[in-house]
Amino acid sequence: MSQQLEAVLKQALELSPQEQLELIRYLSTKVSVQLDIGVKPKRDIADFYAVAPNLLSGVDAQVWVSQLRDEWDEREPNLRT
């Protein structure tokens, strides 16, 4: 750790908790802009188009969820042994 960084950290510890939070917000925003992160999502929603087409094969979503829960209820006693 550089001496300059140590000096800045020492000064930061002398700030009030509110001022420390303000410093954190300022630095994280500044660094995010410099690195161009936080602005772009990691993935575009269009990347997921047709990833699992016909997943439910025409089954009503609520029926599918109910069936899935019933299967888990049937398996649960076996998992505890």
PDB file of N, CA and C in Angstrom:
ATOM      1  N   MET A   1       0.865  -1.168   0.000  1.00  0.00           N
ATOM      2  CA  MET A   1       0.000   0.000   0.000  1.00  0.00           C
ATOM      3  C   MET A   1       0.908   1.225   0.000  1.00  0.00           C
ATOM      4  N   SER A   2       0.604   2.147  -0.880  1.00  0.00           N
ATOM      5  CA  SER A   2       1.433   3.349  -0.986  1.00  0.00           C
ATOM      6  C   SER A   2       1.219   4.263   0.219  1.00  0.00           C
ATOM      7  N   GLN A   3       2.190   5.119   0.449  1.00  0.00           N
ATOM      8  CA  GLN A   3       2.082   6.072   1.555  1.00  0.00           C
ATOM      9  C   GLN A   3       0.935   7.048   1.315  1.00  0.00           C
ATOM     10  N   GLN A   4       0.755   7.409   0.058  1.00  0.00           N
ATOM     11  CA  GLN A   4      -0.333   8.332  -0.275  1.00  0.00           C
ATOM     12  C   GLN A   4      -1.685   7.705   0.050  1.00  0.00           C
ATOM     13  N   LEU A   5      -1.859   6.437  -0.310  1.00  0.00           N
ATOM     14  CA  LEU A   5      -3.112   5.750  -0.016  1.00  0.00           C
ATOM     15  C   LEU A   5      -3.323   5.613   1.492  1.00  0.00           C
ATOM     16  N   GLU A   6      -2.257   5.287   2.218  1.00  0.00           N
ATOM     17  CA  GLU A   6      -2.358   5.185   3.671  1.00  0.00           C
ATOM     18  C   GLU A   6      -2.789   6.511   4.283  1.00  0.00           C
ATOM     19  N   ALA A   7      -2.257   7.619   3.763  1.00  0.00           N
ATOM     20  CA  ALA A   7      -2.613   8.945   4.273  1.00  0.00           C
ATOM     21  C   ALA A   7      -4.082   9.252   3.993  1.00  0.00           C
ATOM     22  N   VAL A   8      -4.549   8.900   2.801  1.00  0.00           N
ATOM     23  CA  VAL A   8      -5.950   9.147   2.438  1.00  0.00           C
ATOM     24  C   VAL A   8      -6.869   8.310   3.314  1.00  0.00           C
ATOM     25  N   LEU A   9      -6.516   7.049   3.530  1.00  0.00           N
ATOM     26  CA  LEU A   9      -7.336   6.176   4.374  1.00  0.00           C
ATOM     27  C   LEU A   9      -7.387   6.696   5.816  1.00  0.00           C
ATOM     28  N   LYS A  10      -6.278   7.190   6.299  1.00  0.00           N
ATOM     29  CA  LYS A  10      -6.246   7.745   7.651  1.00  0.00           C
ATOM     30  C   LYS A  10      -7.177   8.953   7.741  1.00  0.00           C
ATOM     31  N   GLN A  11      -7.148   9.799   6.716  1.00  0.00           N
ATOM     32  CA  GLN A  11      -8.038  10.960   6.689  1.00  0.00           C
ATOM     33  C   GLN A  11      -9.501  10.522   6.593  1.00  0.00           C
ATOM     34  N   ALA A  12      -9.762   9.484   5.802  1.00  0.00           N
ATOM     35  CA  ALA A  12     -11.134   8.999   5.635  1.00  0.00           C
ATOM     36  C   ALA A  12     -11.690   8.492   6.955  1.00  0.00           C
ATOM     37  N   LEU A  13     -10.843   7.863   7.781  1.00  0.00           N
ATOM     38  CA  LEU A  13     -11.301   7.362   9.073  1.00  0.00           C
ATOM     39  C   LEU A  13     -11.647   8.488  10.037  1.00  0.00           C
ATOM     40  N   GLU A  14     -11.148   9.672   9.779  1.00  0.00           N
ATOM     41  CA  GLU A  14     -11.447  10.831  10.629  1.00  0.00           C
ATOM     42  C   GLU A  14     -12.776  11.479  10.255  1.00  0.00           C
ATOM     43  N   LEU A  15     -13.345  11.087   9.126  1.00  0.00           N
ATOM     44  CA  LEU A  15     -14.635  11.633   8.699  1.00  0.00           C
ATOM     45  C   LEU A  15     -15.763  11.011   9.505  1.00  0.00           C
ATOM     46  N   SER A  16     -16.888  11.701   9.535  1.00  0.00           N
ATOM     47  CA  SER A  16     -18.072  11.137  10.185  1.00  0.00           C
ATOM     48  C   SER A  16     -18.577   9.969   9.335  1.00  0.00           C
ATOM     49  N   PRO A  17     -19.374   9.078   9.918  1.00  0.00           N
ATOM     50  CA  PRO A  17     -19.920   7.973   9.132  1.00  0.00           C
ATOM     51  C   PRO A  17     -20.681   8.460   7.885  1.00  0.00           C
ATOM     52  N   GLN A  18     -21.427   9.542   8.021  1.00  0.00           N
ATOM     53  CA  GLN A  18     -22.166  10.084   6.874  1.00  0.00           C
ATOM     54  C   GLN A  18     -21.200  10.552   5.787  1.00  0.00           C
ATOM     55  N   GLU A  19     -20.130  11.213   6.190  1.00  0.00           N
ATOM     56  CA  GLU A  19     -19.137  11.688   5.214  1.00  0.00           C
ATOM     57  C   GLU A  19     -18.406  10.513   4.575  1.00  0.00           C
ATOM     58  N   GLN A  20     -18.162   9.459   5.341  1.00  0.00           N
ATOM     59  CA  GLN A  20     -17.517   8.269   4.777  1.00  0.00           C
ATOM     60  C   GLN A  20     -18.407   7.642   3.703  1.00  0.00           C
ATOM     61  N   LEU A  21     -19.711   7.572   3.988  1.00  0.00           N
ATOM     62  CA  LEU A  21     -20.638   7.033   2.978  1.00  0.00           C
ATOM     63  C   LEU A  21     -20.656   7.906   1.735  1.00  0.00           C
ATOM     64  N   GLU A  22     -20.620   9.207   1.923  1.00  0.00           N
ATOM     65  CA  GLU A  22     -20.597  10.127   0.787  1.00  0.00           C
ATOM     66  C   GLU A  22     -19.331   9.921  -0.038  1.00  0.00           C
ATOM     67  N   LEU A  23     -18.208   9.718   0.633  1.00  0.00           N
ATOM     68  CA  LEU A  23     -16.943   9.457  -0.047  1.00  0.00           C
ATOM     69  C   LEU A  23     -17.013   8.152  -0.839  1.00  0.00           C
ATOM     70  N   ILE A  24     -17.587   7.125  -0.226  1.00  0.00           N
ATOM     71  CA  ILE A  24     -17.726   5.834  -0.906  1.00  0.00           C
ATOM     72  C   ILE A  24     -18.586   5.978  -2.155  1.00  0.00           C
ATOM     73  N   ARG A  25     -19.725   6.659  -2.020  1.00  0.00           N
ATOM     74  CA  ARG A  25     -20.605   6.864  -3.183  1.00  0.00           C
ATOM     75  C   ARG A  25     -19.873   7.608  -4.291  1.00  0.00           C
ATOM     76  N   TYR A  26     -19.171   8.665  -3.902  1.00  0.00           N
ATOM     77  CA  TYR A  26     -18.460   9.474  -4.896  1.00  0.00           C
ATOM     78  C   TYR A  26     -17.412   8.640  -5.631  1.00  0.00           C
ATOM     79  N   LEU A  27     -16.595   7.924  -4.865  1.00  0.00           N
ATOM     80  CA  LEU A  27     -15.517   7.133  -5.483  1.00  0.00           C
ATOM     81  C   LEU A  27     -16.070   5.993  -6.330  1.00  0.00           C
ATOM     82  N   SER A  28     -17.104   5.309  -5.844  1.00  0.00           N
ATOM     83  CA  SER A  28     -17.645   4.193  -6.632  1.00  0.00           C
ATOM     84  C   SER A  28     -18.273   4.690  -7.932  1.00  0.00           C
ATOM     85  N   THR A  29     -18.941   5.834  -7.890  1.00  0.00           N
ATOM     86  CA  THR A  29     -19.517   6.403  -9.110  1.00  0.00           C
ATOM     87  C   THR A  29     -18.421   6.818 -10.073  1.00  0.00           C
ATOM     88  N   LYS A  30     -17.411   7.473  -9.548  1.00  0.00           N
ATOM     89  CA  LYS A  30     -16.306   7.949 -10.398  1.00  0.00           C
ATOM     90  C   LYS A  30     -15.581   6.777 -11.056  1.00  0.00           C
ATOM     91  N   VAL A  31     -15.280   5.758 -10.282  1.00  0.00           N
ATOM     92  CA  VAL A  31     -14.577   4.594 -10.825  1.00  0.00           C
ATOM     93  C   VAL A  31     -15.460   3.851 -11.820  1.00  0.00           C
ATOM     94  N   SER A  32     -16.761   3.716 -11.515  1.00  0.00           N
ATOM     95  CA  SER A  32     -17.673   3.034 -12.434  1.00  0.00           C
ATOM     96  C   SER A  32     -17.713   3.734 -13.787  1.00  0.00           C
ATOM     97  N   VAL A  33     -17.741   5.046 -13.766  1.00  0.00           N
ATOM     98  CA  VAL A  33     -17.768   5.804 -15.014  1.00  0.00           C
ATOM     99  C   VAL A  33     -16.452   5.631 -15.751  1.00  0.00           C
ATOM    100  N   GLN A  34     -15.343   5.680 -15.015  1.00  0.00           N
ATOM    101  CA  GLN A  34     -14.028   5.524 -15.648  1.00  0.00           C
ATOM    102  C   GLN A  34     -13.872   4.150 -16.277  1.00  0.00           C
ATOM    103  N   LEU A  35     -14.378   3.131 -15.619  1.00  0.00           N
ATOM    104  CA  LEU A  35     -14.259   1.769 -16.129  1.00  0.00           C
ATOM    105  C   LEU A  35     -15.412   1.387 -17.037  1.00  0.00           C
ATOM    106  N   ASP A  36     -16.391   2.293 -17.133  1.00  0.00           N
ATOM    107  CA  ASP A  36     -17.584   2.066 -17.942  1.00  0.00           C
ATOM    108  C   ASP A  36     -18.318   0.806 -17.486  1.00  0.00           C
ATOM    109  N   ILE A  37     -18.423   0.650 -16.162  1.00  0.00           N
ATOM    110  CA  ILE A  37     -19.199  -0.464 -15.618  1.00  0.00           C
ATOM    111  C   ILE A  37     -20.423   0.090 -14.918  1.00  0.00           C
ATOM    112  N   GLY A  38     -21.379  -0.754 -14.687  1.00  0.00           N
ATOM    113  CA  GLY A  38     -22.593  -0.329 -14.026  1.00  0.00           C
ATOM    114  C   GLY A  38     -23.558   0.362 -14.965  1.00  0.00           C
ATOM    115  N   VAL A  39     -23.074   0.773 -16.121  1.00  0.00           N
ATOM    116  CA  VAL A  39     -23.926   1.454 -17.087  1.00  0.00           C
ATOM    117  C   VAL A  39     -24.586   0.424 -17.996  1.00  0.00           C
ATOM    118  N   LYS A  40     -23.814  -0.553 -18.413  1.00  0.00           N
ATOM    119  CA  LYS A  40     -24.327  -1.576 -19.322  1.00  0.00           C
ATOM    120  C   LYS A  40     -24.690  -2.828 -18.537  1.00  0.00           C
ATOM    121  N   PRO A  41     -25.803  -3.436 -18.839  1.00  0.00           N
ATOM    122  CA  PRO A  41     -26.102  -4.712 -18.197  1.00  0.00           C
ATOM    123  C   PRO A  41     -25.144  -5.773 -18.713  1.00  0.00           C
ATOM    124  N   LYS A  42     -24.930  -6.823 -17.916  1.00  0.00           N
ATOM    125  CA  LYS A  42     -24.025  -7.886 -18.337  1.00  0.00           C
ATOM    126  C   LYS A  42     -24.543  -8.609 -19.575  1.00  0.00           C
ATOM    127  N   ARG A  43     -25.855  -8.720 -19.663  1.00  0.00           N
ATOM    128  CA  ARG A  43     -26.479  -9.380 -20.813  1.00  0.00           C
ATOM    129  C   ARG A  43     -27.668  -8.565 -21.280  1.00  0.00           C
ATOM    130  N   ASP A  44     -27.896  -8.641 -22.536  1.00  0.00           N
ATOM    131  CA  ASP A  44     -29.077  -8.013 -23.116  1.00  0.00           C
ATOM    132  C   ASP A  44     -30.224  -9.011 -23.011  1.00  0.00           C
ATOM    133  N   ILE A  45     -31.399  -8.540 -22.688  1.00  0.00           N
ATOM    134  CA  ILE A  45     -32.551  -9.425 -22.527  1.00  0.00           C
ATOM    135  C   ILE A  45     -32.815 -10.218 -23.811  1.00  0.00           C
ATOM    136  N   ALA A  46     -32.462  -9.659 -24.937  1.00  0.00           N
ATOM    137  CA  ALA A  46     -32.665 -10.351 -26.212  1.00  0.00           C
ATOM    138  C   ALA A  46     -31.793 -11.602 -26.324  1.00  0.00           C
ATOM    139  N   ASP A  47     -30.717 -11.686 -25.532  1.00  0.00           N
ATOM    140  CA  ASP A  47     -29.863 -12.873 -25.551  1.00  0.00           C
ATOM    141  C   ASP A  47     -30.608 -14.121 -25.089  1.00  0.00           C
ATOM    142  N   PHE A  48     -31.680 -13.931 -24.339  1.00  0.00           N
ATOM    143  CA  PHE A  48     -32.412 -15.060 -23.790  1.00  0.00           C
ATOM    144  C   PHE A  48     -33.576 -15.501 -24.668  1.00  0.00           C
ATOM    145  N   TYR A  49     -33.791 -14.818 -25.774  1.00  0.00           N
ATOM    146  CA  TYR A  49     -34.898 -15.144 -26.661  1.00  0.00           C
ATOM    147  C   TYR A  49     -34.736 -16.575 -27.172  1.00  0.00           C
ATOM    148  N   ALA A  50     -35.757 -17.365 -26.996  1.00  0.00           N
ATOM    149  CA  ALA A  50     -35.823 -18.745 -27.489  1.00  0.00           C
ATOM    150  C   ALA A  50     -34.802 -19.668 -26.848  1.00  0.00           C
ATOM    151  N   VAL A  51     -34.341 -19.354 -25.642  1.00  0.00           N
ATOM    152  CA  VAL A  51     -33.398 -20.223 -24.965  1.00  0.00           C
ATOM    153  C   VAL A  51     -34.066 -21.550 -24.610  1.00  0.00           C
ATOM    154  N   ALA A  52     -35.296 -21.489 -24.145  1.00  0.00           N
ATOM    155  CA  ALA A  52     -36.016 -22.706 -23.796  1.00  0.00           C
ATOM    156  C   ALA A  52     -37.401 -22.663 -24.441  1.00  0.00           C
ATOM    157  N   PRO A  53     -37.458 -22.761 -25.760  1.00  0.00           N
ATOM    158  CA  PRO A  53     -38.760 -22.697 -26.414  1.00  0.00           C
ATOM    159  C   PRO A  53     -39.611 -23.902 -26.044  1.00  0.00           C
ATOM    160  N   ASN A  54     -40.897 -23.666 -25.926  1.00  0.00           N
ATOM    161  CA  ASN A  54     -41.861 -24.721 -25.610  1.00  0.00           C
ATOM    162  C   ASN A  54     -41.526 -25.457 -24.311  1.00  0.00           C
ATOM    163  N   LEU A  55     -41.009 -24.723 -23.358  1.00  0.00           N
ATOM    164  CA  LEU A  55     -40.626 -25.328 -22.088  1.00  0.00           C
ATOM    165  C   LEU A  55     -41.807 -26.034 -21.435  1.00  0.00           C
ATOM    166  N   LEU A  56     -42.958 -25.425 -21.473  1.00  0.00           N
ATOM    167  CA  LEU A  56     -44.130 -26.012 -20.823  1.00  0.00           C
ATOM    168  C   LEU A  56     -44.945 -26.884 -21.762  1.00  0.00           C
ATOM    169  N   SER A  57     -44.609 -26.923 -23.004  1.00  0.00           N
ATOM    170  CA  SER A  57     -45.307 -27.742 -24.006  1.00  0.00           C
ATOM    171  C   SER A  57     -46.811 -27.545 -23.971  1.00  0.00           C
ATOM    172  N   GLY A  58     -47.239 -26.310 -23.841  1.00  0.00           N
ATOM    173  CA  GLY A  58     -48.648 -25.996 -23.856  1.00  0.00           C
ATOM    174  C   GLY A  58     -49.359 -26.175 -22.523  1.00  0.00           C
ATOM    175  N   VAL A  59     -48.644 -26.614 -21.489  1.00  0.00           N
ATOM    176  CA  VAL A  59     -49.253 -26.802 -20.168  1.00  0.00           C
ATOM    177  C   VAL A  59     -49.404 -25.433 -19.509  1.00  0.00           C
ATOM    178  N   ASP A  60     -50.534 -25.235 -18.852  1.00  0.00           N
ATOM    179  CA  ASP A  60     -50.756 -24.001 -18.118  1.00  0.00           C
ATOM    180  C   ASP A  60     -49.665 -23.860 -17.059  1.00  0.00           C
ATOM    181  N   ALA A  61     -49.125 -22.669 -16.898  1.00  0.00           N
ATOM    182  CA  ALA A  61     -48.014 -22.443 -15.972  1.00  0.00           C
ATOM    183  C   ALA A  61     -48.380 -22.824 -14.544  1.00  0.00           C
ATOM    184  N   GLN A  62     -49.576 -22.476 -14.097  1.00  0.00           N
ATOM    185  CA  GLN A  62     -49.972 -22.797 -12.716  1.00  0.00           C
ATOM    186  C   GLN A  62     -50.089 -24.306 -12.523  1.00  0.00           C
ATOM    187  N   VAL A  63     -50.605 -25.004 -13.526  1.00  0.00           N
ATOM    188  CA  VAL A  63     -50.701 -26.466 -13.449  1.00  0.00           C
ATOM    189  C   VAL A  63     -49.301 -27.065 -13.356  1.00  0.00           C
ATOM    190  N   TRP A  64     -48.392 -26.560 -14.158  1.00  0.00           N
ATOM    191  CA  TRP A  64     -47.013 -27.055 -14.166  1.00  0.00           C
ATOM    192  C   TRP A  64     -46.359 -26.853 -12.796  1.00  0.00           C
ATOM    193  N   VAL A  65     -46.534 -25.656 -12.202  1.00  0.00           N
ATOM    194  CA  VAL A  65     -45.959 -25.368 -10.886  1.00  0.00           C
ATOM    195  C   VAL A  65     -46.563 -26.295  -9.837  1.00  0.00           C
ATOM    196  N   SER A  66     -47.865 -26.503  -9.889  1.00  0.00           N
ATOM    197  CA  SER A  66     -48.526 -27.398  -8.929  1.00  0.00           C
ATOM    198  C   SER A  66     -47.982 -28.820  -9.050  1.00  0.00           C
ATOM    199  N   GLN A  67     -47.806 -29.295 -10.270  1.00  0.00           N
ATOM    200  CA  GLN A  67     -47.261 -30.633 -10.474  1.00  0.00           C
ATOM    201  C   GLN A  67     -45.838 -30.733  -9.928  1.00  0.00           C
ATOM    202  N   LEU A  68     -45.061 -29.720 -10.164  1.00  0.00           N
ATOM    203  CA  LEU A  68     -43.686 -29.700  -9.674  1.00  0.00           C
ATOM    204  C   LEU A  68     -43.660 -29.749  -8.147  1.00  0.00           C
ATOM    205  N   ARG A  69     -44.522 -28.971  -7.516  1.00  0.00           N
ATOM    206  CA  ARG A  69     -44.595 -28.978  -6.044  1.00  0.00           C
ATOM    207  C   ARG A  69     -45.044 -30.344  -5.523  1.00  0.00           C
ATOM    208  N   ASP A  70     -46.007 -30.953  -6.194  1.00  0.00           N
ATOM    209  CA  ASP A  70     -46.461 -32.280  -5.782  1.00  0.00           C
ATOM    210  C   ASP A  70     -45.321 -33.292  -5.864  1.00  0.00           C
ATOM    211  N   GLU A  71     -44.519 -33.199  -6.924  1.00  0.00           N
ATOM    212  CA  GLU A  71     -43.380 -34.109  -7.066  1.00  0.00           C
ATOM    213  C   GLU A  71     -42.402 -33.930  -5.913  1.00  0.00           C
ATOM    214  N   TRP A  72     -42.154 -32.691  -5.532  1.00  0.00           N
ATOM    215  CA  TRP A  72     -41.239 -32.434  -4.425  1.00  0.00           C
ATOM    216  C   TRP A  72     -41.820 -32.959  -3.112  1.00  0.00           C
ATOM    217  N   ASP A  73     -43.126 -32.800  -2.937  1.00  0.00           N
ATOM    218  CA  ASP A  73     -43.767 -33.317  -1.721  1.00  0.00           C
ATOM    219  C   ASP A  73     -43.614 -34.831  -1.629  1.00  0.00           C
ATOM    220  N   GLU A  74     -43.692 -35.494  -2.788  1.00  0.00           N
ATOM    221  CA  GLU A  74     -43.531 -36.942  -2.803  1.00  0.00           C
ATOM    222  C   GLU A  74     -42.081 -37.341  -2.511  1.00  0.00           C
ATOM    223  N   ARG A  75     -41.127 -36.569  -2.965  1.00  0.00           N
ATOM    224  CA  ARG A  75     -39.715 -36.895  -2.781  1.00  0.00           C
ATOM    225  C   ARG A  75     -39.189 -36.511  -1.392  1.00  0.00           C
ATOM    226  N   GLU A  76     -39.827 -35.549  -0.758  1.00  0.00           N
ATOM    227  CA  GLU A  76     -39.305 -35.017   0.501  1.00  0.00           C
ATOM    228  C   GLU A  76     -39.083 -36.080   1.580  1.00  0.00           C
ATOM    229  N   PRO A  77     -40.026 -36.967   1.817  1.00  0.00           N
ATOM    230  CA  PRO A  77     -39.770 -37.989   2.868  1.00  0.00           C
ATOM    231  C   PRO A  77     -38.544 -38.832   2.556  1.00  0.00           C
ATOM    232  N   ASN A  78     -38.297 -39.106   1.300  1.00  0.00           N
ATOM    233  CA  ASN A  78     -37.130 -39.909   0.911  1.00  0.00           C
ATOM    234  C   ASN A  78     -35.829 -39.154   1.137  1.00  0.00           C
ATOM    235  N   LEU A  79     -35.876 -37.834   1.050  1.00  0.00           N
ATOM    236  CA  LEU A  79     -34.669 -37.038   1.218  1.00  0.00           C
ATOM    237  C   LEU A  79     -34.231 -36.953   2.672  1.00  0.00           C
ATOM    238  N   ARG A  80     -35.150 -37.115   3.587  1.00  0.00           N
ATOM    239  CA  ARG A  80     -34.837 -36.981   5.006  1.00  0.00           C
ATOM    240  C   ARG A  80     -34.297 -38.265   5.616  1.00  0.00           C
ATOM    241  N   THR A  81     -34.366 -39.372   4.903  1.00  0.00           N
ATOM    242  CA  THR A  81     -33.875 -40.635   5.447  1.00  0.00           C
ATOM    243  C   THR A  81     -32.440 -40.873   5.081  1.00  0.00           C
TER     244      THR A  81
END
